[in-house]
């Protein structure tokens, strides 16, 4: 059974949108790497999970949109959508994620000493109370 050109274009455009969505999904992986999970083992696990998830999603997309037939134009559409996202919106989100991680690290470093000081005083008082009552 052949599909006509109009339905191929329709599926191709949806595949482009789906590729764009996969690009958004990849932002989670990129954020984890920016946040510090960038060792070789973390990268390997993230890549395997991302590729496996994308393979399953592509299969289900092909089932829903094209009766389970994976055609070249579907994969091409996903690739085009992914790269459109990657070279447009992802540039902005990368800067935002980097800024958020830097702000989080700055806040963590600012609060680390006072928090440690408060907990050490509390620990000493609890210890003295425990010794005094035993």
N, C-alpha and C. Protein backbone atom coordinates (compact mmCIF):
# COMPACT_ATOMS: atom_id res chain seq x y z
N UNK A 1 0.84 -1.18 0.00
CA UNK A 1 0.00 0.00 0.00
C UNK A 1 0.88 1.24 0.00
N UNK A 2 0.68 2.08 -0.95
CA UNK A 2 1.46 3.32 -1.06
C UNK A 2 0.73 4.46 -0.34
N UNK A 3 1.51 5.38 0.16
CA UNK A 3 0.92 6.57 0.74
C UNK A 3 1.19 7.73 -0.21
N UNK A 4 0.24 8.63 -0.28
CA UNK A 4 0.37 9.73 -1.24
C UNK A 4 1.28 10.83 -0.71
N UNK A 5 1.60 11.76 -1.57
CA UNK A 5 2.55 12.82 -1.23
C UNK A 5 2.02 13.71 -0.11
N UNK A 6 0.74 14.00 -0.11
CA UNK A 6 0.17 14.88 0.92
C UNK A 6 0.33 14.25 2.31
N UNK A 7 0.06 12.96 2.40
CA UNK A 7 0.20 12.33 3.72
C UNK A 7 1.67 12.21 4.11
N UNK A 8 2.57 12.04 3.15
CA UNK A 8 4.00 12.01 3.46
C UNK A 8 4.46 13.37 3.99
N UNK A 9 4.00 14.43 3.37
CA UNK A 9 4.36 15.78 3.84
C UNK A 9 3.80 16.02 5.24
N UNK A 10 2.56 15.59 5.45
CA UNK A 10 1.93 15.73 6.76
C UNK A 10 2.75 15.00 7.82
N UNK A 11 3.12 13.75 7.57
CA UNK A 11 3.91 12.97 8.52
C UNK A 11 5.30 13.59 8.68
N UNK A 12 5.88 14.09 7.61
CA UNK A 12 7.20 14.72 7.70
C UNK A 12 7.16 15.95 8.62
N UNK A 13 6.13 16.78 8.48
CA UNK A 13 6.02 17.97 9.33
C UNK A 13 5.81 17.57 10.80
N UNK A 14 5.02 16.54 11.03
CA UNK A 14 4.86 16.06 12.41
C UNK A 14 6.15 15.47 12.93
N UNK A 15 6.92 14.83 12.05
CA UNK A 15 8.22 14.28 12.46
C UNK A 15 9.18 15.42 12.82
N UNK A 16 9.09 16.53 12.10
CA UNK A 16 9.93 17.69 12.45
C UNK A 16 9.55 18.21 13.84
N UNK A 17 8.26 18.29 14.11
CA UNK A 17 7.80 18.72 15.44
C UNK A 17 8.23 17.72 16.51
N UNK A 18 8.17 16.44 16.18
CA UNK A 18 8.60 15.40 17.11
C UNK A 18 10.10 15.50 17.39
N UNK A 19 10.88 15.79 16.35
CA UNK A 19 12.32 15.98 16.53
C UNK A 19 12.61 17.19 17.42
N UNK A 20 11.80 18.23 17.27
CA UNK A 20 11.91 19.41 18.13
C UNK A 20 11.66 19.00 19.58
N UNK A 21 10.66 18.15 19.80
CA UNK A 21 10.36 17.66 21.16
C UNK A 21 11.50 16.81 21.70
N UNK A 22 12.12 16.02 20.85
CA UNK A 22 13.28 15.23 21.28
C UNK A 22 14.42 16.17 21.69
N UNK A 23 14.56 17.29 20.98
CA UNK A 23 15.56 18.29 21.37
C UNK A 23 15.29 18.84 22.76
N UNK A 24 14.03 19.06 23.07
CA UNK A 24 13.67 19.52 24.41
C UNK A 24 14.01 18.45 25.44
N UNK A 25 13.76 17.19 25.10
CA UNK A 25 14.11 16.08 25.99
C UNK A 25 15.62 16.02 26.21
N UNK A 26 16.38 16.32 25.18
CA UNK A 26 17.84 16.31 25.31
C UNK A 26 18.34 17.40 26.26
N UNK A 27 17.54 18.43 26.46
CA UNK A 27 17.92 19.49 27.39
C UNK A 27 18.10 18.95 28.80
N UNK A 28 17.33 17.94 29.16
CA UNK A 28 17.48 17.33 30.49
C UNK A 28 18.88 16.72 30.62
N UNK A 29 19.31 16.03 29.57
CA UNK A 29 20.64 15.43 29.57
C UNK A 29 21.71 16.53 29.65
N UNK A 30 21.54 17.58 28.86
CA UNK A 30 22.51 18.67 28.87
C UNK A 30 22.56 19.37 30.22
N UNK A 31 21.40 19.54 30.85
CA UNK A 31 21.37 20.19 32.15
C UNK A 31 22.11 19.35 33.18
N UNK A 32 21.95 18.04 33.11
CA UNK A 32 22.66 17.16 34.05
C UNK A 32 24.16 17.28 33.85
N UNK A 33 24.59 17.41 32.60
CA UNK A 33 26.03 17.55 32.34
C UNK A 33 26.54 18.91 32.81
N UNK A 34 25.76 19.96 32.61
CA UNK A 34 26.17 21.28 33.08
C UNK A 34 26.22 21.30 34.60
N UNK A 35 25.30 20.57 35.24
CA UNK A 35 25.23 20.53 36.71
C UNK A 35 26.35 19.72 37.34
N UNK A 36 27.11 18.98 36.54
CA UNK A 36 28.25 18.29 37.10
C UNK A 36 28.28 16.78 36.89
N UNK A 37 27.22 16.22 36.34
CA UNK A 37 27.21 14.78 36.05
C UNK A 37 27.81 14.55 34.67
N UNK A 38 29.11 14.80 34.57
CA UNK A 38 29.75 14.76 33.26
C UNK A 38 30.94 13.81 33.20
N UNK A 39 31.01 12.87 34.14
CA UNK A 39 32.09 11.90 34.08
C UNK A 39 31.81 10.93 32.93
N UNK A 40 32.79 10.10 32.62
CA UNK A 40 32.62 9.16 31.50
C UNK A 40 31.46 8.21 31.73
N UNK A 41 31.34 7.70 32.95
CA UNK A 41 30.27 6.73 33.23
C UNK A 41 28.91 7.41 33.21
N UNK A 42 28.82 8.62 33.76
CA UNK A 42 27.55 9.36 33.71
C UNK A 42 27.16 9.65 32.27
N UNK A 43 28.12 10.09 31.48
CA UNK A 43 27.84 10.40 30.08
C UNK A 43 27.39 9.16 29.32
N UNK A 44 28.05 8.04 29.56
CA UNK A 44 27.68 6.80 28.90
C UNK A 44 26.26 6.39 29.25
N UNK A 45 25.93 6.42 30.54
CA UNK A 45 24.59 6.02 30.99
C UNK A 45 23.54 6.98 30.43
N UNK A 46 23.81 8.27 30.48
CA UNK A 46 22.85 9.24 29.95
C UNK A 46 22.63 9.04 28.46
N UNK A 47 23.70 8.81 27.72
CA UNK A 47 23.57 8.62 26.28
C UNK A 47 22.81 7.35 25.93
N UNK A 48 23.09 6.27 26.64
CA UNK A 48 22.39 5.01 26.36
C UNK A 48 20.90 5.16 26.68
N UNK A 49 20.58 5.78 27.82
CA UNK A 49 19.18 5.98 28.17
C UNK A 49 18.48 6.90 27.18
N UNK A 50 19.15 7.97 26.78
CA UNK A 50 18.54 8.91 25.82
C UNK A 50 18.31 8.25 24.47
N UNK A 51 19.29 7.52 23.96
CA UNK A 51 19.15 6.87 22.67
C UNK A 51 18.06 5.79 22.72
N UNK A 52 18.02 5.03 23.81
CA UNK A 52 16.98 4.00 23.94
C UNK A 52 15.58 4.63 23.99
N UNK A 53 15.45 5.69 24.77
CA UNK A 53 14.17 6.38 24.85
C UNK A 53 13.75 6.94 23.50
N UNK A 54 14.69 7.54 22.79
CA UNK A 54 14.38 8.08 21.46
C UNK A 54 13.99 6.99 20.48
N UNK A 55 14.63 5.83 20.56
CA UNK A 55 14.28 4.71 19.68
C UNK A 55 12.85 4.25 19.95
N UNK A 56 12.49 4.09 21.22
CA UNK A 56 11.13 3.69 21.55
C UNK A 56 10.12 4.74 21.12
N UNK A 57 10.42 6.00 21.39
CA UNK A 57 9.50 7.07 21.00
C UNK A 57 9.34 7.16 19.49
N UNK A 58 10.43 6.97 18.76
CA UNK A 58 10.35 6.98 17.31
C UNK A 58 9.50 5.82 16.80
N UNK A 59 9.66 4.67 17.39
CA UNK A 59 8.84 3.52 17.01
C UNK A 59 7.36 3.81 17.24
N UNK A 60 7.02 4.33 18.42
CA UNK A 60 5.63 4.62 18.71
C UNK A 60 5.10 5.75 17.83
N UNK A 61 5.94 6.71 17.51
CA UNK A 61 5.55 7.77 16.58
C UNK A 61 5.24 7.18 15.21
N UNK A 62 6.08 6.28 14.75
CA UNK A 62 5.86 5.65 13.44
C UNK A 62 4.59 4.80 13.46
N UNK A 63 4.32 4.13 14.56
CA UNK A 63 3.09 3.35 14.66
C UNK A 63 1.87 4.27 14.61
N UNK A 64 1.93 5.36 15.33
CA UNK A 64 0.79 6.27 15.40
C UNK A 64 0.57 7.03 14.09
N UNK A 65 1.64 7.44 13.45
CA UNK A 65 1.51 8.33 12.29
C UNK A 65 1.57 7.61 10.95
N UNK A 66 2.21 6.44 10.90
CA UNK A 66 2.46 5.83 9.60
C UNK A 66 2.19 4.33 9.60
N UNK A 67 1.38 3.89 10.51
CA UNK A 67 1.02 2.48 10.54
C UNK A 67 2.17 1.56 10.88
N UNK A 68 3.16 2.05 11.57
CA UNK A 68 4.29 1.23 11.98
C UNK A 68 5.43 1.16 10.99
N UNK A 69 5.27 1.80 9.85
CA UNK A 69 6.35 1.79 8.85
C UNK A 69 7.29 2.96 9.11
N UNK A 70 8.52 2.63 9.38
CA UNK A 70 9.53 3.67 9.58
C UNK A 70 10.12 3.97 8.21
N UNK A 71 9.89 5.16 7.75
CA UNK A 71 10.40 5.58 6.44
C UNK A 71 11.53 6.58 6.64
N UNK A 72 12.32 6.73 5.61
CA UNK A 72 13.46 7.65 5.68
C UNK A 72 13.01 9.07 5.99
N UNK A 73 11.90 9.51 5.38
CA UNK A 73 11.48 10.90 5.59
C UNK A 73 11.05 11.15 7.03
N UNK A 74 10.64 10.11 7.76
CA UNK A 74 10.32 10.29 9.18
C UNK A 74 11.60 10.55 9.98
N UNK A 75 12.61 9.74 9.73
CA UNK A 75 13.88 9.93 10.43
C UNK A 75 14.53 11.26 10.04
N UNK A 76 14.41 11.61 8.77
CA UNK A 76 14.93 12.91 8.32
C UNK A 76 14.20 14.05 9.00
N UNK A 77 12.88 13.95 9.10
CA UNK A 77 12.10 14.99 9.77
C UNK A 77 12.46 15.14 11.23
N UNK A 78 12.66 14.01 11.92
CA UNK A 78 13.08 14.08 13.32
C UNK A 78 14.44 14.74 13.45
N UNK A 79 15.34 14.39 12.55
CA UNK A 79 16.68 14.98 12.58
C UNK A 79 16.63 16.47 12.32
N UNK A 80 15.84 16.88 11.34
CA UNK A 80 15.70 18.31 11.03
C UNK A 80 15.12 19.05 12.22
N UNK A 81 14.06 18.52 12.82
CA UNK A 81 13.45 19.17 13.98
C UNK A 81 14.41 19.27 15.16
N UNK A 82 15.17 18.20 15.38
CA UNK A 82 16.14 18.21 16.48
C UNK A 82 17.19 19.29 16.25
N UNK A 83 17.74 19.36 15.04
CA UNK A 83 18.79 20.34 14.78
C UNK A 83 18.25 21.77 14.73
N UNK A 84 17.01 21.95 14.32
CA UNK A 84 16.40 23.29 14.38
C UNK A 84 16.34 23.73 15.83
N UNK A 85 15.89 22.84 16.71
CA UNK A 85 15.86 23.18 18.13
C UNK A 85 17.27 23.43 18.67
N UNK A 86 18.17 22.53 18.33
CA UNK A 86 19.53 22.57 18.87
C UNK A 86 20.26 23.86 18.53
N UNK A 87 20.05 24.38 17.32
CA UNK A 87 20.79 25.56 16.89
C UNK A 87 20.00 26.85 17.03
N UNK A 88 18.82 26.79 17.64
CA UNK A 88 18.06 28.02 17.88
C UNK A 88 17.79 28.17 19.38
N UNK A 89 16.79 27.50 19.87
CA UNK A 89 16.35 27.66 21.25
C UNK A 89 17.38 27.12 22.25
N UNK A 90 18.06 26.05 21.89
CA UNK A 90 19.00 25.42 22.82
C UNK A 90 20.17 26.34 23.17
N UNK A 91 20.53 27.22 22.28
CA UNK A 91 21.61 28.18 22.61
C UNK A 91 21.21 29.05 23.79
N UNK A 92 19.97 29.47 23.79
CA UNK A 92 19.48 30.30 24.89
C UNK A 92 19.36 29.50 26.18
N UNK A 93 18.81 28.31 26.10
CA UNK A 93 18.64 27.51 27.31
C UNK A 93 19.97 27.10 27.91
N UNK A 94 20.98 26.89 27.08
CA UNK A 94 22.30 26.55 27.61
C UNK A 94 22.84 27.69 28.47
N UNK A 95 22.66 28.92 28.01
CA UNK A 95 23.11 30.07 28.80
C UNK A 95 22.31 30.20 30.09
N UNK A 96 21.02 29.96 30.01
CA UNK A 96 20.18 30.04 31.21
C UNK A 96 20.56 28.96 32.21
N UNK A 97 20.76 27.71 31.73
CA UNK A 97 21.15 26.63 32.63
C UNK A 97 22.50 26.91 33.27
N UNK A 98 23.46 27.41 32.51
CA UNK A 98 24.77 27.72 33.07
C UNK A 98 24.65 28.78 34.15
N UNK A 99 23.84 29.79 33.89
CA UNK A 99 23.63 30.84 34.88
C UNK A 99 22.96 30.29 36.14
N UNK A 100 21.96 29.43 35.97
CA UNK A 100 21.29 28.84 37.14
C UNK A 100 22.24 27.99 37.97
N UNK A 101 23.09 27.22 37.33
CA UNK A 101 24.05 26.39 38.06
C UNK A 101 25.05 27.27 38.80
N UNK A 102 25.51 28.34 38.16
CA UNK A 102 26.44 29.25 38.83
C UNK A 102 25.77 29.93 40.03
N UNK A 103 24.53 30.36 39.87
CA UNK A 103 23.82 30.97 41.00
C UNK A 103 23.59 29.98 42.13
N UNK A 104 23.25 28.75 41.79
CA UNK A 104 23.06 27.72 42.81
C UNK A 104 24.37 27.46 43.56
N UNK A 105 25.47 27.35 42.84
CA UNK A 105 26.77 27.13 43.49
C UNK A 105 27.15 28.31 44.37
N UNK A 106 26.89 29.52 43.91
CA UNK A 106 27.19 30.71 44.71
C UNK A 106 26.35 30.72 45.98
N UNK A 107 25.07 30.43 45.86
CA UNK A 107 24.20 30.38 47.02
C UNK A 107 24.63 29.29 47.99
N UNK A 108 24.97 28.13 47.45
CA UNK A 108 25.44 27.02 48.29
C UNK A 108 26.70 27.42 49.05
N UNK A 109 27.65 28.03 48.37
CA UNK A 109 28.89 28.43 49.02
C UNK A 109 28.67 29.52 50.06
N UNK A 110 27.72 30.42 49.80
CA UNK A 110 27.42 31.47 50.78
C UNK A 110 26.76 30.90 52.04
N UNK A 111 25.94 29.89 51.88
CA UNK A 111 25.21 29.34 53.01
C UNK A 111 25.93 28.21 53.71
N UNK A 112 27.01 27.71 53.14
CA UNK A 112 27.70 26.55 53.70
C UNK A 112 28.31 26.85 55.08
N UNK A 113 29.05 27.95 55.19
CA UNK A 113 29.71 28.26 56.47
C UNK A 113 28.71 28.58 57.58
N UNK A 114 27.74 29.49 57.35
CA UNK A 114 26.79 29.77 58.44
C UNK A 114 25.99 28.55 58.87
N UNK A 115 25.61 27.71 57.91
CA UNK A 115 24.86 26.51 58.24
C UNK A 115 25.71 25.55 59.06
N UNK A 116 26.93 25.37 58.66
CA UNK A 116 27.84 24.50 59.41
C UNK A 116 28.03 25.04 60.83
N UNK A 117 28.17 26.34 60.97
CA UNK A 117 28.37 26.96 62.27
C UNK A 117 27.15 26.74 63.16
N UNK A 118 25.95 26.96 62.62
CA UNK A 118 24.72 26.79 63.40
C UNK A 118 24.57 25.33 63.82
N UNK A 119 24.82 24.41 62.91
CA UNK A 119 24.68 23.00 63.26
C UNK A 119 25.75 22.54 64.25
N UNK A 120 26.94 23.10 64.18
CA UNK A 120 27.98 22.71 65.14
C UNK A 120 27.63 23.22 66.53
N UNK A 121 27.06 24.41 66.64
CA UNK A 121 26.62 24.92 67.95
C UNK A 121 25.50 24.05 68.48
N UNK A 122 24.53 23.74 67.61
CA UNK A 122 23.41 22.88 68.03
C UNK A 122 23.89 21.51 68.45
N UNK A 123 24.83 20.96 67.73
CA UNK A 123 25.37 19.64 68.06
C UNK A 123 26.06 19.68 69.42
N UNK A 124 26.84 20.75 69.67
CA UNK A 124 27.53 20.87 70.96
C UNK A 124 26.54 20.99 72.10
N UNK A 125 25.48 21.76 71.93
CA UNK A 125 24.48 21.93 72.99
C UNK A 125 23.74 20.63 73.25
N UNK A 126 23.40 19.89 72.21
CA UNK A 126 22.72 18.61 72.38
C UNK A 126 23.65 17.62 73.08
N UNK A 127 24.92 17.63 72.70
CA UNK A 127 25.89 16.73 73.32
C UNK A 127 26.02 17.04 74.81
N UNK A 128 26.14 18.34 75.16
CA UNK A 128 26.25 18.73 76.57
C UNK A 128 24.99 18.35 77.34
N UNK A 129 23.82 18.56 76.75
CA UNK A 129 22.56 18.19 77.39
C UNK A 129 22.50 16.69 77.62
N UNK A 130 22.93 15.92 76.67
CA UNK A 130 22.93 14.46 76.77
C UNK A 130 23.89 14.00 77.88
N UNK A 131 25.09 14.58 77.93
CA UNK A 131 26.08 14.22 78.96
C UNK A 131 25.56 14.61 80.34
N UNK A 132 24.95 15.78 80.44
CA UNK A 132 24.49 16.28 81.72
C UNK A 132 23.35 15.41 82.28
N UNK A 133 22.51 14.88 81.43
CA UNK A 133 21.36 14.11 81.86
C UNK A 133 21.64 12.62 81.98
N UNK A 134 22.82 12.15 81.68
CA UNK A 134 23.16 10.73 81.82
C UNK A 134 24.12 10.48 82.91
